[in-house]
């Protein structure tokens, strides 16, 4: 994100389904070890529609299991020609609340797993998704999401550790914010700082996921 907390330019200044890089190549490369450490990586369909990411582990390191790619898509808007669907190989699961059988079958026929969940305020329930992933042995989940999901994950107390990559640029208030309406604010304590060229990496533990009892 930028110094003023923006993750994308204003509407109309970004070609949809093409990446818009804010941080440097060095900072982006630092994300790959985080994906390697995770059992799964989660994003929302809005990010897929905006950037068309692969969301794969490109570290080249051995894994205990393939990285599971998870998309929250309440209305099942996932493009059939998206990079994630095109590369699906038993490693893509889409959580939705729609029962559009035709659309579900189209995605399943392309190798994606589609899980229909009970709706919560018309959307997929974050808590139920996390519970479902936990039941499948997913212990570490990396989230790379947009404004709404970033905010919901933090506000819901679902985040144990925060990694922020900050580029020294300012986009202004019309650009897309990383977070919105955080009350009370989330405070990061004991922040670790790394340099990636002119970019900064900020990491902080919000809570210990494995407390000693």
Protein backbone atom coordinates (compact mmCIF):
# COMPACT_ATOMS: atom_id res chain seq x y z
CA UNK A 1 0.00 0.00 0.00
CA UNK A 2 0.98 3.66 -0.28
CA UNK A 3 2.02 5.97 2.55
CA UNK A 4 -1.56 7.23 2.72
CA UNK A 5 -2.94 3.70 2.98
CA UNK A 6 -4.18 3.17 -0.59
CA UNK A 7 -4.06 -0.12 -2.48
CA UNK A 8 -5.35 0.87 -5.93
CA UNK A 9 -5.84 4.04 -7.97
CA UNK A 10 -9.24 5.73 -8.33
CA UNK A 11 -11.90 4.07 -10.48
CA UNK A 12 -11.20 4.46 -14.19
CA UNK A 13 -7.42 4.74 -13.75
CA UNK A 14 -6.74 1.01 -13.69
CA UNK A 15 -7.29 -1.51 -16.49
CA UNK A 16 -9.38 -4.29 -15.00
CA UNK A 17 -7.83 -7.76 -14.73
CA UNK A 18 -4.34 -6.35 -15.10
CA UNK A 19 -2.07 -5.96 -12.06
CA UNK A 20 -1.31 -2.48 -10.82
CA UNK A 21 1.97 -2.62 -8.92
CA UNK A 22 2.37 -0.24 -5.99
CA UNK A 23 5.39 -1.80 -4.29
CA UNK A 24 8.70 -2.76 -5.90
CA UNK A 25 9.69 -6.12 -7.31
CA UNK A 26 11.81 -6.75 -4.20
CA UNK A 27 8.84 -6.17 -1.91
CA UNK A 28 6.61 -8.39 -4.05
CA UNK A 29 9.24 -11.14 -3.95
CA UNK A 30 9.09 -11.03 -0.15
CA UNK A 31 5.47 -12.23 -0.34
CA UNK A 32 6.54 -15.59 -1.80
CA UNK A 33 8.13 -16.90 1.43
CA UNK A 34 4.90 -15.96 3.22
CA UNK A 35 2.91 -18.05 0.73
CA UNK A 36 5.39 -20.88 1.16
CA UNK A 37 4.83 -20.85 4.94
CA UNK A 38 1.04 -20.92 4.54
CA UNK A 39 -1.29 -23.85 3.93
CA UNK A 40 -3.69 -21.63 1.99
CA UNK A 41 -3.98 -18.14 0.51
CA UNK A 42 -7.31 -16.31 0.52
CA UNK A 43 -8.66 -13.45 -1.55
CA UNK A 44 -12.02 -12.05 -2.59
CA UNK A 45 -13.63 -12.09 -6.00
CA UNK A 46 -13.32 -8.29 -6.23
CA UNK A 47 -9.53 -8.69 -6.20
CA UNK A 48 -9.80 -11.38 -8.90
CA UNK A 49 -11.95 -9.10 -11.06
CA UNK A 50 -9.56 -6.17 -10.57
CA UNK A 51 -6.15 -7.85 -10.83
CA UNK A 52 -6.64 -11.43 -12.11
CA UNK A 53 -3.93 -12.84 -9.79
CA UNK A 54 -2.48 -16.37 -9.85
CA UNK A 55 -2.03 -16.48 -6.05
CA UNK A 56 0.50 -19.30 -6.32
CA UNK A 57 3.61 -20.17 -4.31
CA UNK A 58 6.51 -19.34 -6.61
CA UNK A 59 9.24 -19.69 -3.96
CA UNK A 60 10.52 -22.94 -5.49
CA UNK A 61 10.82 -24.47 -2.01
CA UNK A 62 9.44 -27.87 -1.03
CA UNK A 63 6.02 -27.83 0.63
CA UNK A 64 4.27 -30.25 2.97
CA UNK A 65 1.13 -29.82 0.84
CA UNK A 66 0.14 -27.80 -2.26
CA UNK A 67 -0.90 -24.22 -1.53
CA UNK A 68 -4.70 -24.11 -1.47
CA UNK A 69 -6.07 -21.01 -3.19
CA UNK A 70 -9.32 -19.77 -1.64
CA UNK A 71 -11.74 -17.23 -3.12
CA UNK A 72 -14.76 -15.75 -1.35
CA UNK A 73 -17.38 -15.14 -4.03
CA UNK A 74 -20.89 -14.72 -2.65
CA UNK A 75 -22.58 -14.14 -6.05
CA UNK A 76 -20.27 -16.52 -7.97
CA UNK A 77 -18.83 -13.85 -10.28
CA UNK A 78 -15.54 -15.73 -10.72
CA UNK A 79 -14.53 -15.40 -14.40
CA UNK A 80 -14.22 -18.76 -16.13
CA UNK A 81 -11.19 -17.45 -18.02
CA UNK A 82 -9.42 -16.07 -14.95
CA UNK A 83 -5.84 -17.18 -14.30
CA UNK A 84 -6.86 -18.95 -11.11
CA UNK A 85 -9.54 -21.04 -12.81
CA UNK A 86 -7.36 -21.69 -15.85
CA UNK A 87 -4.59 -23.07 -13.61
CA UNK A 88 -6.85 -24.96 -11.16
CA UNK A 89 -5.49 -28.39 -10.29
CA UNK A 90 -7.30 -29.52 -7.14
CA UNK A 91 -5.89 -26.42 -5.44
CA UNK A 92 -8.70 -23.88 -5.88
CA UNK A 93 -11.81 -23.66 -3.71
CA UNK A 94 -14.51 -21.03 -4.14
CA UNK A 95 -16.91 -20.31 -1.29
CA UNK A 96 -20.29 -18.93 -2.33
CA UNK A 97 -23.88 -18.61 -1.13
CA UNK A 98 -25.51 -18.90 -4.55
CA UNK A 99 -27.12 -22.11 -5.78
CA UNK A 100 -26.69 -21.40 -9.51
CA UNK A 101 -26.19 -25.01 -10.61
CA UNK A 102 -25.13 -24.11 -14.16
CA UNK A 103 -22.45 -21.71 -12.94
CA UNK A 104 -21.27 -24.11 -10.24
CA UNK A 105 -20.90 -26.93 -12.76
CA UNK A 106 -19.01 -24.69 -15.20
CA UNK A 107 -16.44 -23.92 -12.51
CA UNK A 108 -16.25 -27.51 -11.28
CA UNK A 109 -15.74 -28.77 -14.83
CA UNK A 110 -12.68 -26.52 -15.01
CA UNK A 111 -11.13 -28.04 -11.89
CA UNK A 112 -12.37 -25.64 -9.21
CA UNK A 113 -14.02 -26.85 -6.03
CA UNK A 114 -17.18 -24.88 -5.21
CA UNK A 115 -18.56 -24.88 -1.67
CA UNK A 116 -22.06 -23.47 -1.14
CA UNK A 117 -22.36 -21.98 2.36
CA UNK A 118 -25.32 -20.63 4.35
CA UNK A 119 -25.67 -16.88 3.76
CA UNK A 120 -24.93 -14.38 6.49
CA UNK A 121 -26.38 -10.97 5.65
CA UNK A 122 -26.36 -12.11 2.01
CA UNK A 123 -22.65 -12.95 2.03
CA UNK A 124 -20.30 -15.80 2.77
CA UNK A 125 -19.59 -15.98 6.51
CA UNK A 126 -15.89 -15.45 7.26
CA UNK A 127 -16.16 -17.39 10.50
CA UNK A 128 -17.74 -20.41 8.82
CA UNK A 129 -15.16 -20.36 6.04
CA UNK A 130 -12.32 -20.33 8.58
CA UNK A 131 -13.97 -23.15 10.53
CA UNK A 132 -14.37 -25.19 7.34
CA UNK A 133 -10.73 -24.67 6.36
CA UNK A 134 -9.60 -25.61 9.86
CA UNK A 135 -11.58 -28.84 9.68
CA UNK A 136 -9.67 -29.63 6.46
CA UNK A 137 -6.32 -29.22 8.21
CA UNK A 138 -5.56 -25.68 7.05
CA UNK A 139 -3.62 -24.24 10.00
CA UNK A 140 -1.99 -21.18 8.40
CA UNK A 141 -3.97 -18.90 6.09
CA UNK A 142 -2.43 -15.95 4.27
CA UNK A 143 -4.94 -13.30 3.21
CA UNK A 144 -4.27 -10.97 0.27
CA UNK A 145 -7.49 -9.05 -0.09
CA UNK A 146 -9.15 -5.72 -0.81
CA UNK A 147 -10.79 -3.07 1.35
CA UNK A 148 -13.91 -4.92 2.45
CA UNK A 149 -12.25 -8.19 3.38
CA UNK A 150 -9.21 -6.50 4.95
CA UNK A 151 -11.54 -4.56 7.22
CA UNK A 152 -13.83 -7.51 7.99
CA UNK A 153 -10.93 -9.81 8.87
CA UNK A 154 -9.37 -7.32 11.26
CA UNK A 155 -12.65 -6.09 12.77
CA UNK A 156 -13.78 -9.69 13.29
CA UNK A 157 -10.64 -10.57 15.23
CA UNK A 158 -9.58 -13.18 12.67
CA UNK A 159 -6.01 -11.92 12.18
CA UNK A 160 -3.06 -13.16 14.23
CA UNK A 161 -0.22 -11.45 12.38
CA UNK A 162 -0.12 -8.42 10.07
CA UNK A 163 2.38 -7.94 7.23
CA UNK A 164 2.24 -4.58 5.47
CA UNK A 165 4.36 -3.57 2.49
CA UNK A 166 4.48 0.21 2.15
CA UNK A 167 5.60 2.20 -0.89
CA UNK A 168 6.74 5.85 -0.53
CA UNK A 169 4.01 7.39 -2.68
CA UNK A 170 0.76 9.21 -2.05
CA UNK A 171 -2.38 8.53 -4.12
CA UNK A 172 -4.89 10.77 -2.40
CA UNK A 173 -8.35 10.28 -0.93
CA UNK A 174 -10.00 9.24 -4.22
CA UNK A 175 -7.88 6.08 -4.41
CA UNK A 176 -8.97 2.74 -2.93
CA UNK A 177 -8.19 2.44 0.82
CA UNK A 178 -6.61 -0.64 2.38
CA UNK A 179 -9.05 -0.42 5.30
CA UNK A 180 -12.25 1.43 5.97
CA UNK A 181 -14.19 2.29 9.12
CA UNK A 182 -11.90 0.65 11.68
CA UNK A 183 -13.35 1.42 15.11
CA UNK A 184 -11.69 0.95 17.51
CA UNK A 185 -8.36 1.20 15.70
CA UNK A 186 -6.09 -1.84 15.48
CA UNK A 187 -2.80 -1.13 17.24
CA UNK A 188 0.39 -2.88 16.16
CA UNK A 189 2.89 -3.50 18.97
CA UNK A 190 6.55 -4.58 18.69
CA UNK A 191 6.69 -3.84 14.98
CA UNK A 192 9.44 -5.49 12.92
CA UNK A 193 10.69 -3.32 10.04
CA UNK A 194 12.46 -4.46 6.86
CA UNK A 195 13.72 -2.46 3.88
CA UNK A 196 13.05 -3.52 0.29
CA UNK A 197 14.76 -0.81 -1.68
CA UNK A 198 12.66 2.28 -0.99
CA UNK A 199 9.75 0.19 0.31
CA UNK A 200 9.16 -0.82 3.91
CA UNK A 201 7.89 -4.10 5.29
CA UNK A 202 6.07 -3.86 8.62
CA UNK A 203 5.21 -6.97 10.61
CA UNK A 204 3.48 -7.27 13.97
CA UNK A 205 1.87 -10.06 15.98
CA UNK A 206 -1.66 -9.03 16.98
CA UNK A 207 -2.28 -12.11 19.10
CA UNK A 208 -0.62 -15.44 19.79
CA UNK A 209 -2.55 -18.17 17.93
CA UNK A 210 -0.99 -20.85 20.13
CA UNK A 211 -1.24 -19.47 23.72
CA UNK A 212 0.20 -21.58 26.51
CA UNK A 213 -2.63 -22.75 28.82
